[in-house]
Amino acid sequence: MMSGILDGKKIVIMGVANKRSLAYGCFQALEAQGAQIVLTYQNERMLRSLNKFIDESVTKVECDVSDPENVQATFKTIHESIGNIDGIIHAIAYADPEDLQGETTDASLDSFTKAQGISVYSLISVAKYGREIMNEGGSIVTLTYMGSERAVPNYNIMGIAKAGLEASVRYLARDLASQKIRVNAISAGAIKTLAVTGVKDYNKLIEISNERSVDGEGITAREVGNTAAFLLSSLSTGIVGDTIYVDKGTHLM
């Protein structure tokens, strides 16, 4: 049997929602590369959904990232279950649906704060408590999108949140370097996930994105996952605090 680049590594994936999610593409890629995976889920409803397509042998731990104390408890539970970990994939973001249409100025302060808390601060709290149980040489990967630096129609406050997320990656990469933990982001191309369908006119967004890729074809969730596997492995130790585009060159055009 061929060995994988993540053999013997224990990785936590946060944000697997369904088979179309980017996080599930990451799950498939990491599993293929030999990782031992722990999944977190938001609530019992999400657990029931996960159990329909993820084997029961995979450890699953509840985590509501809107509450930092819950995040702390989650990593304590994970440590009690499997010991130290080697990496985390943070694939969590949220904005109220009404804020993903119209103008950015339509967003209320409350909805803006919620988007920032769940989409940005959650990475900071995950890094804070995840590092406590992470082996030296570990790696944290989060998912972002080109709307962080371009004004993508209807992306609005989520684009602002993604910009904050990418800035957080840089600062966390500096701070966690003392523990030899790397932090990076993947900027994925537009894929028809449940999250993207919340954006008004998402079909047009995906169509334009695919047209602007170098080969006229869109990226797949598994391709995003393959890059995540690389960033979590010892093959990528020179990549720190960076945002890697996995979008078939869409950002070039």
Protein backbone atom coordinates (compact mmCIF):
# COMPACT_ATOMS: atom_id res chain seq x y z
CA MET A 1 0.00 0.00 0.00
CA MET A 2 1.27 3.48 -0.87
CA SER A 3 1.87 5.80 2.05
CA GLY A 4 0.18 9.20 2.24
CA ILE A 5 1.69 12.57 3.07
CA LEU A 6 -0.45 12.73 6.22
CA ASP A 7 0.14 9.24 7.57
CA GLY A 8 0.06 9.33 11.37
CA LYS A 9 -1.28 12.90 11.46
CA LYS A 10 -4.35 13.82 13.51
CA ILE A 11 -6.34 16.59 11.84
CA VAL A 12 -9.48 18.43 12.99
CA ILE A 13 -11.83 19.61 10.23
CA MET A 14 -14.37 22.25 11.22
CA GLY A 15 -17.23 23.02 8.85
CA VAL A 16 -18.22 19.86 6.98
CA ALA A 17 -21.90 20.48 6.28
CA ASN A 18 -22.79 18.23 3.35
CA LYS A 19 -21.23 16.39 0.41
CA ARG A 20 -21.02 19.58 -1.65
CA SER A 21 -19.09 21.58 0.92
CA LEU A 22 -15.44 22.52 0.45
CA ALA A 23 -14.76 21.02 3.86
CA TYR A 24 -16.01 17.64 2.63
CA GLY A 25 -13.58 17.87 -0.30
CA CYS A 26 -10.90 18.44 2.33
CA PHE A 27 -12.14 15.43 4.30
CA GLN A 28 -11.87 13.19 1.22
CA ALA A 29 -8.38 14.44 0.34
CA LEU A 30 -7.04 14.11 3.89
CA GLU A 31 -8.52 10.65 4.30
CA ALA A 32 -6.86 9.58 1.04
CA GLN A 33 -3.52 10.84 2.38
CA GLY A 34 -3.74 8.78 5.56
CA ALA A 35 -4.85 11.36 8.13
CA GLN A 36 -6.80 10.46 11.25
CA ILE A 37 -9.67 12.94 11.13
CA VAL A 38 -11.86 14.51 13.80
CA LEU A 39 -14.92 16.47 12.65
CA THR A 40 -16.67 19.21 14.57
CA TYR A 41 -20.34 20.01 14.12
CA GLN A 42 -22.47 22.95 15.21
CA ASN A 43 -25.50 21.19 16.71
CA GLU A 44 -27.47 17.94 16.83
CA ARG A 45 -29.18 18.65 13.52
CA MET A 46 -25.79 18.95 11.81
CA LEU A 47 -24.63 15.74 13.51
CA ARG A 48 -27.61 13.85 12.09
CA SER A 49 -26.72 15.20 8.66
CA LEU A 50 -23.05 14.20 9.03
CA ASN A 51 -23.92 10.69 10.11
CA LYS A 52 -25.74 10.12 6.81
CA PHE A 53 -22.51 10.32 4.77
CA ILE A 54 -19.60 10.11 7.24
CA ASP A 55 -18.76 6.75 8.78
CA GLU A 56 -19.57 6.35 12.46
CA SER A 57 -15.94 5.40 13.12
CA VAL A 58 -14.92 9.04 12.50
CA THR A 59 -14.78 10.99 15.77
CA LYS A 60 -17.25 13.89 15.86
CA VAL A 61 -17.29 16.63 18.50
CA GLU A 62 -19.81 19.41 18.94
CA CYS A 63 -18.51 22.98 18.58
CA ASP A 64 -20.39 26.26 18.34
CA VAL A 65 -17.70 28.75 17.31
CA SER A 66 -19.89 31.73 18.23
CA ASP A 67 -18.99 30.95 21.86
CA PRO A 68 -15.22 30.93 22.63
CA GLU A 69 -15.83 28.92 25.80
CA ASN A 70 -17.47 26.25 23.65
CA VAL A 71 -14.39 26.24 21.38
CA GLN A 72 -12.17 25.77 24.44
CA ALA A 73 -14.33 22.87 25.65
CA THR A 74 -14.26 21.29 22.18
CA PHE A 75 -10.48 21.11 22.04
CA LYS A 76 -10.37 19.77 25.60
CA THR A 77 -12.76 17.01 24.53
CA ILE A 78 -10.70 16.27 21.43
CA HIS A 79 -7.52 16.05 23.51
CA GLU A 80 -9.18 13.67 25.95
CA SER A 81 -10.32 11.53 23.01
CA ILE A 82 -7.23 11.31 20.77
CA GLY A 83 -4.42 13.25 22.47
CA ASN A 84 -2.46 15.96 20.69
CA ILE A 85 -3.35 16.98 17.15
CA ASP A 86 -1.22 17.99 14.16
CA GLY A 87 -3.51 20.32 12.22
CA ILE A 88 -6.82 22.11 11.85
CA ILE A 89 -8.93 23.05 8.83
CA HIS A 90 -11.16 26.02 9.63
CA ALA A 91 -13.97 26.08 7.04
CA ILE A 92 -16.51 28.23 8.84
CA ALA A 93 -18.18 31.46 7.72
CA TYR A 94 -21.58 33.09 8.06
CA ALA A 95 -23.50 36.18 6.98
CA ASP A 96 -27.24 36.80 7.24
CA PRO A 97 -28.83 35.87 3.87
CA GLU A 98 -30.34 39.34 3.43
CA ASP A 99 -26.83 40.80 3.54
CA LEU A 100 -25.78 38.76 0.49
CA GLN A 101 -27.86 40.83 -1.89
CA GLY A 102 -28.34 44.51 -2.61
CA GLU A 103 -25.77 46.94 -1.22
CA THR A 104 -23.23 46.64 1.56
CA THR A 105 -24.81 49.66 3.26
CA ASP A 106 -27.99 47.62 3.82
CA ALA A 107 -26.27 45.58 6.54
CA SER A 108 -27.04 46.39 10.16
CA LEU A 109 -24.37 46.65 12.84
CA ASP A 110 -25.72 43.50 14.46
CA SER A 111 -25.46 41.44 11.28
CA PHE A 112 -22.02 42.89 10.52
CA THR A 113 -20.81 41.95 14.00
CA LYS A 114 -22.24 38.44 13.64
CA ALA A 115 -20.44 37.93 10.31
CA GLN A 116 -17.15 39.11 11.78
CA GLY A 117 -17.55 37.01 14.91
CA ILE A 118 -18.35 33.73 13.17
CA SER A 119 -16.22 34.21 10.05
CA VAL A 120 -13.14 35.90 11.53
CA TYR A 121 -12.90 35.74 15.31
CA SER A 122 -13.67 32.03 15.21
CA LEU A 123 -10.28 31.44 13.54
CA ILE A 124 -8.58 33.39 16.32
CA SER A 125 -10.32 31.41 19.06
CA VAL A 126 -9.69 28.13 17.23
CA ALA A 127 -5.99 29.02 17.01
CA LYS A 128 -5.94 30.08 20.67
CA TYR A 129 -7.29 26.81 22.01
CA GLY A 130 -6.16 24.52 19.20
CA ARG A 131 -2.50 25.42 19.71
CA GLU A 132 -2.73 24.18 23.31
CA ILE A 133 -3.15 20.61 22.08
CA MET A 134 -1.15 20.86 18.83
CA ASN A 135 2.21 19.24 18.29
CA GLU A 136 5.18 21.37 17.31
CA GLY A 137 5.29 21.61 13.52
CA GLY A 138 1.49 21.70 13.27
CA SER A 139 -0.51 23.58 10.65
CA ILE A 140 -3.76 25.55 10.53
CA VAL A 141 -5.57 26.17 7.24
CA THR A 142 -8.61 28.37 6.65
CA LEU A 143 -10.74 28.98 3.55
CA THR A 144 -11.26 32.35 1.93
CA TYR A 145 -12.44 33.81 -1.38
CA MET A 146 -11.38 36.47 -3.87
CA GLY A 147 -14.22 38.72 -2.63
CA SER A 148 -11.78 39.72 0.11
CA GLU A 149 -9.90 41.96 -2.32
CA ARG A 150 -12.37 42.50 -5.17
CA ALA A 151 -15.84 44.00 -4.91
CA VAL A 152 -17.81 40.92 -5.98
CA PRO A 153 -21.53 41.64 -6.59
CA ASN A 154 -23.72 40.71 -3.60
CA TYR A 155 -20.81 39.36 -1.55
CA ASN A 156 -20.87 42.53 0.54
CA ILE A 157 -20.06 42.13 4.24
CA MET A 158 -18.83 38.60 3.67
CA GLY A 159 -16.10 40.06 1.47
CA ILE A 160 -15.17 42.41 4.29
CA ALA A 161 -15.12 39.46 6.69
CA LYS A 162 -12.87 37.46 4.37
CA ALA A 163 -10.46 40.40 4.23
CA GLY A 164 -10.35 40.32 8.03
CA LEU A 165 -9.84 36.57 7.94
CA GLU A 166 -6.83 36.90 5.65
CA ALA A 167 -5.33 39.59 7.88
CA SER A 168 -5.86 37.29 10.85
CA VAL A 169 -3.92 34.56 9.05
CA ARG A 170 -0.90 36.84 8.78
CA TYR A 171 -0.97 37.91 12.43
CA LEU A 172 -1.62 34.40 13.72
CA ALA A 173 1.20 33.05 11.55
CA ARG A 174 3.56 35.49 13.24
CA ASP A 175 2.31 34.70 16.75
CA LEU A 176 2.19 30.90 16.46
CA ALA A 177 5.65 30.70 14.88
CA SER A 178 7.13 30.45 18.37
CA GLN A 179 5.46 27.05 18.58
CA LYS A 180 6.44 26.18 15.01
CA ILE A 181 2.78 26.14 13.99
CA ARG A 182 2.07 27.45 10.50
CA VAL A 183 -1.12 29.30 9.51
CA ASN A 184 -2.23 29.71 5.89
CA ALA A 185 -5.35 30.32 3.82
CA ILE A 186 -6.72 28.83 0.62
CA SER A 187 -8.60 31.22 -1.66
CA ALA A 188 -10.93 28.83 -3.46
CA GLY A 189 -12.70 29.52 -6.72
CA ALA A 190 -16.48 29.79 -6.84
CA ILE A 191 -18.06 26.35 -6.44
CA LYS A 192 -21.75 25.52 -6.08
CA THR A 193 -21.82 24.83 -2.37
CA LEU A 194 -24.68 25.42 0.05
CA ALA A 195 -22.85 28.53 1.28
CA VAL A 196 -22.54 30.02 -2.21
CA THR A 197 -26.21 29.46 -2.99
CA GLY A 198 -26.97 32.04 -0.31
CA VAL A 199 -25.43 34.74 -2.52
CA LYS A 200 -27.94 36.41 -4.86
CA ASP A 201 -27.38 35.45 -8.53
CA TYR A 202 -24.82 32.83 -7.48
CA ASN A 203 -25.25 30.92 -10.74
CA LYS A 204 -24.04 33.95 -12.67
CA LEU A 205 -21.12 34.33 -10.27
CA ILE A 206 -20.04 30.72 -10.82
CA GLU A 207 -20.50 31.01 -14.59
CA ILE A 208 -18.33 34.12 -14.80
CA SER A 209 -15.73 32.57 -12.50
CA ASN A 210 -15.50 29.44 -14.64
CA GLU A 211 -15.25 31.48 -17.85
CA ARG A 212 -12.30 33.38 -16.42
CA SER A 213 -10.36 30.29 -15.39
CA VAL A 214 -7.45 29.53 -17.69
CA ASP A 215 -9.12 26.44 -19.13
CA GLY A 216 -12.74 27.58 -18.92
CA GLU A 217 -13.53 24.98 -16.26
CA GLY A 218 -14.29 25.44 -12.61
CA ILE A 219 -12.37 24.13 -9.65
CA THR A 220 -13.58 21.15 -7.65
CA ALA A 221 -13.89 20.75 -3.88
CA ARG A 222 -11.46 17.82 -4.05
CA GLU A 223 -8.83 20.04 -5.70
CA VAL A 224 -9.22 22.49 -2.84
CA GLY A 225 -8.88 19.57 -0.44
CA ASN A 226 -5.70 18.36 -2.13
CA THR A 227 -4.10 21.76 -1.54
CA ALA A 228 -5.24 21.68 2.09
CA ALA A 229 -3.59 18.26 2.49
CA PHE A 230 -0.36 19.72 1.11
CA LEU A 231 -0.49 22.71 3.47
CA LEU A 232 -1.04 20.39 6.43
CA SER A 233 1.90 18.21 5.47
CA SER A 234 5.63 18.53 6.04
CA LEU A 235 6.03 19.21 2.30
CA SER A 236 4.88 22.81 2.80
CA THR A 237 6.99 23.92 5.76
CA GLY A 238 8.25 26.96 3.84
CA ILE A 239 4.74 28.38 3.33
CA VAL A 240 3.72 30.61 6.24
CA GLY A 241 1.03 33.30 6.57
CA ASP A 242 0.13 33.06 2.90
CA THR A 243 -3.05 32.91 0.84
CA ILE A 244 -2.84 30.24 -1.85
CA TYR A 245 -5.23 30.62 -4.80
CA VAL A 246 -6.91 27.40 -5.88
CA ASP A 247 -9.20 28.73 -8.59
CA LYS A 248 -7.76 27.56 -11.93
CA GLY A 249 -6.30 31.04 -12.44
CA THR A 250 -9.59 32.95 -12.19
CA HIS A 251 -7.90 35.65 -10.09
CA LEU A 252 -5.45 36.30 -12.94
CA MET A 253 -8.03 37.38 -15.49
